[in-house]
PDB file of N, CA and C in Angstrom:
ATOM      1  N   MET A   1       0.818  -1.171   0.000  1.00  0.00           N
ATOM      2  CA  MET A   1       0.000   0.000   0.000  1.00  0.00           C
ATOM      3  C   MET A   1       0.867   1.242   0.000  1.00  0.00           C
ATOM      4  N   ALA A   2       0.413   2.177  -0.685  1.00  0.00           N
ATOM      5  CA  ALA A   2       1.151   3.441  -0.748  1.00  0.00           C
ATOM      6  C   ALA A   2       0.691   4.339   0.386  1.00  0.00           C
ATOM      7  N   THR A   3       1.662   5.001   0.971  1.00  0.00           N
ATOM      8  CA  THR A   3       1.305   5.911   2.055  1.00  0.00           C
ATOM      9  C   THR A   3       1.200   7.321   1.511  1.00  0.00           C
ATOM     10  N   LYS A   4       0.270   8.029   2.024  1.00  0.00           N
ATOM     11  CA  LYS A   4       0.091   9.400   1.588  1.00  0.00           C
ATOM     12  C   LYS A   4       0.900  10.325   2.486  1.00  0.00           C
ATOM     13  N   ASP A   5       1.621  11.215   1.846  1.00  0.00           N
ATOM     14  CA  ASP A   5       2.344  12.205   2.624  1.00  0.00           C
ATOM     15  C   ASP A   5       1.350  13.236   3.121  1.00  0.00           C
ATOM     16  N   LYS A   6       1.461  13.511   4.381  1.00  0.00           N
ATOM     17  CA  LYS A   6       0.569  14.508   4.946  1.00  0.00           C
ATOM     18  C   LYS A   6       1.184  15.888   4.750  1.00  0.00           C
ATOM     19  N   VAL A   7       0.460  16.730   4.134  1.00  0.00           N
ATOM     20  CA  VAL A   7       0.902  18.098   3.900  1.00  0.00           C
ATOM     21  C   VAL A   7       0.032  18.993   4.762  1.00  0.00           C
ATOM     22  N   SER A   8       0.678  19.717   5.636  1.00  0.00           N
ATOM     23  CA  SER A   8      -0.103  20.603   6.490  1.00  0.00           C
ATOM     24  C   SER A   8      -0.226  21.961   5.803  1.00  0.00           C
ATOM     25  N   VAL A   9      -1.433  22.335   5.623  1.00  0.00           N
ATOM     26  CA  VAL A   9      -1.717  23.625   5.005  1.00  0.00           C
ATOM     27  C   VAL A   9      -2.417  24.464   6.051  1.00  0.00           C
ATOM     28  N   SER A  10      -1.800  25.568   6.363  1.00  0.00           N
ATOM     29  CA  SER A  10      -2.442  26.427   7.347  1.00  0.00           C
ATOM     30  C   SER A  10      -3.434  27.331   6.635  1.00  0.00           C
ATOM     31  N   SER A  11      -4.471  27.622   7.346  1.00  0.00           N
ATOM     32  CA  SER A  11      -5.498  28.468   6.742  1.00  0.00           C
ATOM     33  C   SER A  11      -5.080  29.932   6.723  1.00  0.00           C
ATOM     34  N   LYS A  12      -4.098  30.267   7.539  1.00  0.00           N
ATOM     35  CA  LYS A  12      -3.633  31.646   7.586  1.00  0.00           C
ATOM     36  C   LYS A  12      -2.345  31.762   6.793  1.00  0.00           C
ATOM     37  N   HIS A  13      -2.393  32.571   5.797  1.00  0.00           N
ATOM     38  CA  HIS A  13      -1.192  32.816   5.009  1.00  0.00           C
ATOM     39  C   HIS A  13      -0.442  33.976   5.634  1.00  0.00           C
ATOM     40  N   THR A  14       0.811  33.773   5.782  1.00  0.00           N
ATOM     41  CA  THR A  14       1.618  34.841   6.374  1.00  0.00           C
ATOM     42  C   THR A  14       2.422  35.526   5.271  1.00  0.00           C
ATOM     43  N   PHE A  15       1.830  36.533   4.719  1.00  0.00           N
ATOM     44  CA  PHE A  15       2.514  37.331   3.721  1.00  0.00           C
ATOM     45  C   PHE A  15       2.975  38.615   4.379  1.00  0.00           C
ATOM     46  N   LYS A  16       4.194  38.914   4.184  1.00  0.00           N
ATOM     47  CA  LYS A  16       4.692  40.180   4.706  1.00  0.00           C
ATOM     48  C   LYS A  16       4.425  41.257   3.659  1.00  0.00           C
ATOM     49  N   GLU A  17       3.713  42.249   4.102  1.00  0.00           N
ATOM     50  CA  GLU A  17       3.447  43.347   3.184  1.00  0.00           C
ATOM     51  C   GLU A  17       4.719  44.144   3.008  1.00  0.00           C
ATOM     52  N   LYS A  18       5.041  44.383   1.781  1.00  0.00           N
ATOM     53  CA  LYS A  18       6.248  45.145   1.508  1.00  0.00           C
ATOM     54  C   LYS A  18       5.926  46.626   1.583  1.00  0.00           C
ATOM     55  N   THR A  19       6.592  47.274   2.500  1.00  0.00           N
ATOM     56  CA  THR A  19       6.419  48.720   2.586  1.00  0.00           C
ATOM     57  C   THR A  19       7.436  49.362   1.661  1.00  0.00           C
ATOM     58  N   PRO A  20       7.020  50.373   0.951  1.00  0.00           N
ATOM     59  CA  PRO A  20       7.966  51.001   0.018  1.00  0.00           C
ATOM     60  C   PRO A  20       9.112  51.667   0.767  1.00  0.00           C
ATOM     61  N   GLN A  21      10.295  51.480   0.265  1.00  0.00           N
ATOM     62  CA  GLN A  21      11.482  52.080   0.863  1.00  0.00           C
ATOM     63  C   GLN A  21      11.818  53.355   0.104  1.00  0.00           C
ATOM     64  N   TYR A  22      11.722  54.463   0.797  1.00  0.00           N
ATOM     65  CA  TYR A  22      12.032  55.742   0.186  1.00  0.00           C
ATOM     66  C   TYR A  22      13.435  56.158   0.615  1.00  0.00           C
ATOM     67  N   ASN A  23      14.250  56.455  -0.321  1.00  0.00           N
ATOM     68  CA  ASN A  23      15.595  56.933  -0.030  1.00  0.00           C
ATOM     69  C   ASN A  23      15.637  58.426  -0.307  1.00  0.00           C
ATOM     70  N   PHE A  24      15.318  59.202   0.709  1.00  0.00           N
ATOM     71  CA  PHE A  24      15.359  60.638   0.565  1.00  0.00           C
ATOM     72  C   PHE A  24      16.800  61.112   0.598  1.00  0.00           C
ATOM     73  N   ALA A  25      17.047  62.231  -0.014  1.00  0.00           N
ATOM     74  CA  ALA A  25      18.402  62.778  -0.029  1.00  0.00           C
ATOM     75  C   ALA A  25      18.793  63.278   1.354  1.00  0.00           C
ATOM     76  N   PHE A  26      17.845  63.818   2.098  1.00  0.00           N
ATOM     77  CA  PHE A  26      18.127  64.350   3.427  1.00  0.00           C
ATOM     78  C   PHE A  26      17.568  63.411   4.485  1.00  0.00           C
ATOM     79  N   THR A  27      18.342  63.258   5.541  1.00  0.00           N
ATOM     80  CA  THR A  27      17.884  62.478   6.684  1.00  0.00           C
ATOM     81  C   THR A  27      17.677  63.430   7.860  1.00  0.00           C
ATOM     82  N   LYS A  28      17.367  62.855   8.988  1.00  0.00           N
ATOM     83  CA  LYS A  28      17.141  63.659  10.189  1.00  0.00           C
ATOM     84  C   LYS A  28      18.405  64.433  10.569  1.00  0.00           C
ATOM     85  N   ASP A  29      19.565  63.810  10.399  1.00  0.00           N
ATOM     86  CA  ASP A  29      20.832  64.476  10.712  1.00  0.00           C
ATOM     87  C   ASP A  29      21.041  65.712   9.840  1.00  0.00           C
ATOM     88  N   ASN A  30      20.694  65.595   8.565  1.00  0.00           N
ATOM     89  CA  ASN A  30      20.842  66.745   7.676  1.00  0.00           C
ATOM     90  C   ASN A  30      19.977  67.913   8.133  1.00  0.00           C
ATOM     91  N   TYR A  31      18.761  67.629   8.519  1.00  0.00           N
ATOM     92  CA  TYR A  31      17.871  68.698   8.963  1.00  0.00           C
ATOM     93  C   TYR A  31      18.341  69.321  10.279  1.00  0.00           C
ATOM     94  N   ILE A  32      18.912  68.514  11.153  1.00  0.00           N
ATOM     95  CA  ILE A  32      19.444  69.053  12.404  1.00  0.00           C
ATOM     96  C   ILE A  32      20.612  69.985  12.114  1.00  0.00           C
ATOM     97  N   TRP A  33      21.521  69.563  11.221  1.00  0.00           N
ATOM     98  CA  TRP A  33      22.648  70.427  10.863  1.00  0.00           C
ATOM     99  C   TRP A  33      22.182  71.700  10.174  1.00  0.00           C
ATOM    100  N   MET A  34      21.142  71.591   9.343  1.00  0.00           N
ATOM    101  CA  MET A  34      20.616  72.792   8.690  1.00  0.00           C
ATOM    102  C   MET A  34      20.019  73.753   9.706  1.00  0.00           C
ATOM    103  N   LEU A  35      19.335  73.230  10.702  1.00  0.00           N
ATOM    104  CA  LEU A  35      18.768  74.071  11.743  1.00  0.00           C
ATOM    105  C   LEU A  35      19.871  74.761  12.552  1.00  0.00           C
ATOM    106  N   ILE A  36      20.933  74.022  12.859  1.00  0.00           N
ATOM    107  CA  ILE A  36      22.073  74.620  13.574  1.00  0.00           C
ATOM    108  C   ILE A  36      22.686  75.738  12.741  1.00  0.00           C
ATOM    109  N   GLY A  37      22.839  75.502  11.442  1.00  0.00           N
ATOM    110  CA  GLY A  37      23.391  76.526  10.561  1.00  0.00           C
ATOM    111  C   GLY A  37      22.512  77.766  10.502  1.00  0.00           C
ATOM    112  N   LEU A  38      21.201  77.574  10.470  1.00  0.00           N
ATOM    113  CA  LEU A  38      20.294  78.726  10.446  1.00  0.00           C
ATOM    114  C   LEU A  38      20.356  79.517  11.741  1.00  0.00           C
ATOM    115  N   VAL A  39      20.504  78.830  12.874  1.00  0.00           N
ATOM    116  CA  VAL A  39      20.616  79.520  14.154  1.00  0.00           C
ATOM    117  C   VAL A  39      21.911  80.337  14.209  1.00  0.00           C
ATOM    118  N   VAL A  40      23.009  79.761  13.725  1.00  0.00           N
ATOM    119  CA  VAL A  40      24.285  80.481  13.718  1.00  0.00           C
ATOM    120  C   VAL A  40      24.203  81.695  12.790  1.00  0.00           C
ATOM    121  N   LEU A  41      23.576  81.524  11.623  1.00  0.00           N
ATOM    122  CA  LEU A  41      23.392  82.654  10.708  1.00  0.00           C
ATOM    123  C   LEU A  41      22.545  83.751  11.340  1.00  0.00           C
ATOM    124  N   ALA A  42      21.454  83.363  11.968  1.00  0.00           N
ATOM    125  CA  ALA A  42      20.580  84.358  12.600  1.00  0.00           C
ATOM    126  C   ALA A  42      21.316  85.095  13.720  1.00  0.00           C
ATOM    127  N   LEU A  43      22.112  84.367  14.493  1.00  0.00           N
ATOM    128  CA  LEU A  43      22.881  85.013  15.559  1.00  0.00           C
ATOM    129  C   LEU A  43      23.886  86.007  14.983  1.00  0.00           C
ATOM    130  N   GLY A  44      24.519  85.636  13.877  1.00  0.00           N
ATOM    131  CA  GLY A  44      25.454  86.552  13.227  1.00  0.00           C
ATOM    132  C   GLY A  44      24.771  87.812  12.743  1.00  0.00           C
ATOM    133  N   TYR A  45      23.608  87.679  12.151  1.00  0.00           N
ATOM    134  CA  TYR A  45      22.881  88.862  11.665  1.00  0.00           C
ATOM    135  C   TYR A  45      22.338  89.706  12.828  1.00  0.00           C
ATOM    136  N   ILE A  46      21.939  89.055  13.912  1.00  0.00           N
ATOM    137  CA  ILE A  46      21.452  89.811  15.080  1.00  0.00           C
ATOM    138  C   ILE A  46      22.583  90.633  15.692  1.00  0.00           C
ATOM    139  N   LEU A  47      23.790  90.044  15.750  1.00  0.00           N
ATOM    140  CA  LEU A  47      24.928  90.790  16.287  1.00  0.00           C
ATOM    141  C   LEU A  47      25.352  91.937  15.373  1.00  0.00           C
ATOM    142  N   LEU A  48      24.968  91.866  14.129  1.00  0.00           N
ATOM    143  CA  LEU A  48      25.323  92.911  13.177  1.00  0.00           C
ATOM    144  C   LEU A  48      24.411  94.133  13.284  1.00  0.00           C
ATOM    145  N   ILE A  49      23.269  93.983  13.927  1.00  0.00           N
ATOM    146  CA  ILE A  49      22.291  95.066  14.028  1.00  0.00           C
ATOM    147  C   ILE A  49      22.795  96.156  14.968  1.00  0.00           C
ATOM    148  N   GLY A  50      22.431  97.377  14.658  1.00  0.00           N
ATOM    149  CA  GLY A  50      22.677  98.488  15.583  1.00  0.00           C
ATOM    150  C   GLY A  50      23.940  99.256  15.272  1.00  0.00           C
ATOM    151  N   GLY A  51      24.304 100.106  16.208  1.00  0.00           N
ATOM    152  CA  GLY A  51      25.533 100.873  16.070  1.00  0.00           C
ATOM    153  C   GLY A  51      25.338 102.248  15.482  1.00  0.00           C
ATOM    154  N   GLY A  52      24.112 102.582  15.181  1.00  0.00           N
ATOM    155  CA  GLY A  52      23.866 103.892  14.604  1.00  0.00           C
ATOM    156  C   GLY A  52      23.585 104.920  15.681  1.00  0.00           C
ATOM    157  N   SER A  53      23.454 106.153  15.248  1.00  0.00           N
ATOM    158  CA  SER A  53      23.157 107.243  16.171  1.00  0.00           C
ATOM    159  C   SER A  53      21.783 107.790  15.846  1.00  0.00           C
ATOM    160  N   LYS A  54      21.054 108.190  16.855  1.00  0.00           N
ATOM    161  CA  LYS A  54      19.724 108.764  16.623  1.00  0.00           C
ATOM    162  C   LYS A  54      19.821 110.176  16.068  1.00  0.00           C
ATOM    163  N   ASP A  55      20.866 110.862  16.433  1.00  0.00           N
ATOM    164  CA  ASP A  55      21.089 112.221  15.936  1.00  0.00           C
ATOM    165  C   ASP A  55      22.093 112.160  14.798  1.00  0.00           C
ATOM    166  N   PRO A  56      21.730 112.584  13.595  1.00  0.00           N
ATOM    167  CA  PRO A  56      22.667 112.488  12.468  1.00  0.00           C
ATOM    168  C   PRO A  56      23.880 113.418  12.598  1.00  0.00           C
ATOM    169  N   ASN A  57      23.826 114.366  13.486  1.00  0.00           N
ATOM    170  CA  ASN A  57      24.958 115.276  13.663  1.00  0.00           C
ATOM    171  C   ASN A  57      25.994 114.745  14.649  1.00  0.00           C
ATOM    172  N   VAL A  58      25.669 113.650  15.348  1.00  0.00           N
ATOM    173  CA  VAL A  58      26.568 113.083  16.341  1.00  0.00           C
ATOM    174  C   VAL A  58      27.069 111.737  15.826  1.00  0.00           C
ATOM    175  N   PHE A  59      28.410 111.575  15.828  1.00  0.00           N
ATOM    176  CA  PHE A  59      29.014 110.313  15.391  1.00  0.00           C
ATOM    177  C   PHE A  59      29.101 109.351  16.564  1.00  0.00           C
ATOM    178  N   ASN A  60      28.728 108.115  16.332  1.00  0.00           N
ATOM    179  CA  ASN A  60      28.753 107.090  17.376  1.00  0.00           C
ATOM    180  C   ASN A  60      29.831 106.067  17.019  1.00  0.00           C
ATOM    181  N   ASP A  61      30.809 105.879  17.904  1.00  0.00           N
ATOM    182  CA  ASP A  61      31.906 104.943  17.658  1.00  0.00           C
ATOM    183  C   ASP A  61      31.497 103.477  17.767  1.00  0.00           C
ATOM    184  N   SER A  62      30.338 103.184  18.283  1.00  0.00           N
ATOM    185  CA  SER A  62      29.930 101.785  18.444  1.00  0.00           C
ATOM    186  C   SER A  62      29.697 101.103  17.097  1.00  0.00           C
ATOM    187  N   LEU A  63      29.704 101.866  16.027  1.00  0.00           N
ATOM    188  CA  LEU A  63      29.584 101.284  14.688  1.00  0.00           C
ATOM    189  C   LEU A  63      30.793 100.420  14.363  1.00  0.00           C
ATOM    190  N   PHE A  64      31.940 100.779  14.916  1.00  0.00           N
ATOM    191  CA  PHE A  64      33.184 100.085  14.590  1.00  0.00           C
ATOM    192  C   PHE A  64      33.697  99.228  15.735  1.00  0.00           C
ATOM    193  N   ASN A  65      32.833  98.608  16.494  1.00  0.00           N
ATOM    194  CA  ASN A  65      33.308  97.757  17.584  1.00  0.00           C
ATOM    195  C   ASN A  65      33.576  96.340  17.091  1.00  0.00           C
ATOM    196  N   THR A  66      34.186  95.540  17.935  1.00  0.00           N
ATOM    197  CA  THR A  66      34.609  94.187  17.573  1.00  0.00           C
ATOM    198  C   THR A  66      33.420  93.287  17.247  1.00  0.00           C
ATOM    199  N   GLN A  67      32.321  93.496  17.909  1.00  0.00           N
ATOM    200  CA  GLN A  67      31.131  92.664  17.680  1.00  0.00           C
ATOM    201  C   GLN A  67      30.673  92.752  16.232  1.00  0.00           C
ATOM    202  N   ARG A  68      30.648  93.950  15.677  1.00  0.00           N
ATOM    203  CA  ARG A  68      30.136  94.141  14.321  1.00  0.00           C
ATOM    204  C   ARG A  68      31.185  93.885  13.244  1.00  0.00           C
ATOM    205  N   LEU A  69      32.452  94.125  13.545  1.00  0.00           N
ATOM    206  CA  LEU A  69      33.488  93.978  12.524  1.00  0.00           C
ATOM    207  C   LEU A  69      34.146  92.610  12.502  1.00  0.00           C
ATOM    208  N   VAL A  70      34.103  91.869  13.597  1.00  0.00           N
ATOM    209  CA  VAL A  70      34.816  90.595  13.652  1.00  0.00           C
ATOM    210  C   VAL A  70      33.881  89.424  13.951  1.00  0.00           C
ATOM    211  N   ILE A  71      33.162  89.508  15.053  1.00  0.00           N
ATOM    212  CA  ILE A  71      32.391  88.358  15.526  1.00  0.00           C
ATOM    213  C   ILE A  71      31.232  88.016  14.596  1.00  0.00           C
ATOM    214  N   SER A  72      30.442  89.009  14.207  1.00  0.00           N
ATOM    215  CA  SER A  72      29.278  88.696  13.370  1.00  0.00           C
ATOM    216  C   SER A  72      29.666  88.193  11.976  1.00  0.00           C
ATOM    217  N   PRO A  73      30.676  88.736  11.298  1.00  0.00           N
ATOM    218  CA  PRO A  73      31.054  88.117  10.012  1.00  0.00           C
ATOM    219  C   PRO A  73      31.574  86.691  10.157  1.00  0.00           C
ATOM    220  N   ILE A  74      32.292  86.418  11.246  1.00  0.00           N
ATOM    221  CA  ILE A  74      32.768  85.046  11.463  1.00  0.00           C
ATOM    222  C   ILE A  74      31.586  84.106  11.659  1.00  0.00           C
ATOM    223  N   LEU A  75      30.580  84.533  12.421  1.00  0.00           N
ATOM    224  CA  LEU A  75      29.395  83.691  12.632  1.00  0.00           C
ATOM    225  C   LEU A  75      28.609  83.492  11.335  1.00  0.00           C
ATOM    226  N   ILE A  76      28.538  84.527  10.510  1.00  0.00           N
ATOM    227  CA  ILE A  76      27.799  84.399   9.248  1.00  0.00           C
ATOM    228  C   ILE A  76      28.507  83.421   8.317  1.00  0.00           C
ATOM    229  N   VAL A  77      29.816  83.517   8.211  1.00  0.00           N
ATOM    230  CA  VAL A  77      30.568  82.584   7.364  1.00  0.00           C
ATOM    231  C   VAL A  77      30.488  81.172   7.936  1.00  0.00           C
ATOM    232  N   ALA A  78      30.586  81.043   9.251  1.00  0.00           N
ATOM    233  CA  ALA A  78      30.469  79.719   9.872  1.00  0.00           C
ATOM    234  C   ALA A  78      29.088  79.120   9.623  1.00  0.00           C
ATOM    235  N   GLY A  79      28.045  79.941   9.683  1.00  0.00           N
ATOM    236  CA  GLY A  79      26.696  79.453   9.392  1.00  0.00           C
ATOM    237  C   GLY A  79      26.560  78.966   7.960  1.00  0.00           C
ATOM    238  N   LEU A  80      27.182  79.679   7.032  1.00  0.00           N
ATOM    239  CA  LEU A  80      27.141  79.244   5.627  1.00  0.00           C
ATOM    240  C   LEU A  80      27.911  77.941   5.423  1.00  0.00           C
ATOM    241  N   VAL A  81      29.025  77.800   6.105  1.00  0.00           N
ATOM    242  CA  VAL A  81      29.800  76.555   6.009  1.00  0.00           C
ATOM    243  C   VAL A  81      29.000  75.395   6.587  1.00  0.00           C
ATOM    244  N   ILE A  82      28.326  75.621   7.689  1.00  0.00           N
ATOM    245  CA  ILE A  82      27.490  74.572   8.291  1.00  0.00           C
ATOM    246  C   ILE A  82      26.349  74.194   7.347  1.00  0.00           C
ATOM    247  N   GLU A  83      25.763  75.168   6.674  1.00  0.00           N
ATOM    248  CA  GLU A  83      24.684  74.876   5.721  1.00  0.00           C
ATOM    249  C   GLU A  83      25.197  74.029   4.558  1.00  0.00           C
ATOM    250  N   VAL A  84      26.368  74.348   4.030  1.00  0.00           N
ATOM    251  CA  VAL A  84      26.939  73.558   2.933  1.00  0.00           C
ATOM    252  C   VAL A  84      27.233  72.145   3.415  1.00  0.00           C
ATOM    253  N   TYR A  85      27.764  72.014   4.626  1.00  0.00           N
ATOM    254  CA  TYR A  85      28.016  70.690   5.192  1.00  0.00           C
ATOM    255  C   TYR A  85      26.715  69.905   5.343  1.00  0.00           C
ATOM    256  N   ALA A  86      25.668  70.572   5.794  1.00  0.00           N
ATOM    257  CA  ALA A  86      24.383  69.888   5.989  1.00  0.00           C
ATOM    258  C   ALA A  86      23.818  69.396   4.663  1.00  0.00           C
ATOM    259  N   ILE A  87      24.024  70.147   3.616  1.00  0.00           N
ATOM    260  CA  ILE A  87      23.512  69.743   2.304  1.00  0.00           C
ATOM    261  C   ILE A  87      24.348  68.595   1.732  1.00  0.00           C
ATOM    262  N   MET A  88      25.651  68.651   1.908  1.00  0.00           N
ATOM    263  CA  MET A  88      26.540  67.668   1.293  1.00  0.00           C
ATOM    264  C   MET A  88      26.701  66.383   2.119  1.00  0.00           C
ATOM    265  N   LYS A  89      26.283  66.392   3.373  1.00  0.00           N
ATOM    266  CA  LYS A  89      26.474  65.238   4.254  1.00  0.00           C
ATOM    267  C   LYS A  89      25.655  64.050   3.767  1.00  0.00           C
ATOM    268  N   ARG A  90      26.305  62.921   3.670  1.00  0.00           N
ATOM    269  CA  ARG A  90      25.613  61.696   3.282  1.00  0.00           C
ATOM    270  C   ARG A  90      25.324  60.869   4.527  1.00  0.00           C
ATOM    271  N   SER A  91      24.194  60.217   4.521  1.00  0.00           N
ATOM    272  CA  SER A  91      23.868  59.362   5.657  1.00  0.00           C
ATOM    273  C   SER A  91      24.553  58.008   5.481  1.00  0.00           C
ATOM    274  N   LYS A  92      24.757  57.321   6.575  1.00  0.00           N
ATOM    275  CA  LYS A  92      25.405  56.013   6.520  1.00  0.00           C
ATOM    276  C   LYS A  92      24.511  54.995   5.828  1.00  0.00           C
ATOM    277  N   LYS A  93      23.208  55.140   5.982  1.00  0.00           N
ATOM    278  CA  LYS A  93      22.273  54.196   5.363  1.00  0.00           C
ATOM    279  C   LYS A  93      22.323  54.296   3.843  1.00  0.00           C
ATOM    280  N   ASN A  94      22.388  55.522   3.316  1.00  0.00           N
ATOM    281  CA  ASN A  94      22.426  55.699   1.867  1.00  0.00           C
ATOM    282  C   ASN A  94      23.710  55.164   1.271  1.00  0.00           C
ATOM    283  N   THR A  95      24.845  55.334   1.945  1.00  0.00           N
ATOM    284  CA  THR A  95      26.102  54.821   1.408  1.00  0.00           C
ATOM    285  C   THR A  95      26.149  53.307   1.449  1.00  0.00           C
ATOM    286  N   GLU A  96      25.529  52.684   2.462  1.00  0.00           N
ATOM    287  CA  GLU A  96      25.504  51.230   2.544  1.00  0.00           C
ATOM    288  C   GLU A  96      24.628  50.642   1.447  1.00  0.00           C
ATOM    289  N   THR A  97      23.499  51.253   1.154  1.00  0.00           N
ATOM    290  CA  THR A  97      22.618  50.724   0.114  1.00  0.00           C
ATOM    291  C   THR A  97      23.215  50.920  -1.262  1.00  0.00           C
ATOM    292  N   GLU A  98      23.992  51.970  -1.484  1.00  0.00           N
ATOM    293  CA  GLU A  98      24.619  52.186  -2.779  1.00  0.00           C
ATOM    294  C   GLU A  98      25.728  51.174  -3.025  1.00  0.00           C
ATOM    295  N   GLN A  99      26.396  50.723  -1.966  1.00  0.00           N
ATOM    296  CA  GLN A  99      27.491  49.761  -2.138  1.00  0.00           C
ATOM    297  C   GLN A  99      26.978  48.375  -2.436  1.00  0.00           C
ATOM    298  N   GLN A 100      25.746  48.079  -2.049  1.00  0.00           N
ATOM    299  CA  GLN A 100      25.208  46.720  -2.267  1.00  0.00           C
ATOM    300  C   GLN A 100      24.673  46.540  -3.623  1.00  0.00           C
TER     301      GLN A 100
END
């Protein structure tokens, strides 16, 4: 007599739904760096404000202080460098998927 192989068939199929994988150019790290760059830029521009005189006949020397001539331009350039870094930064996940 031939024996029948018992095949167990479950009534529940376990299919894993494939969720679409989106590879965005920017990740959370990029947005954090961009926010830091914007804060540094805003601080540089805020430090640049002021230094004028209310009376046009009176000269105010605070126009030429270190805050406006040195610190604020350095902060503005640093903010721009941070923004470029935030745009150019690659995430580790994107580089791993490109290598595979």
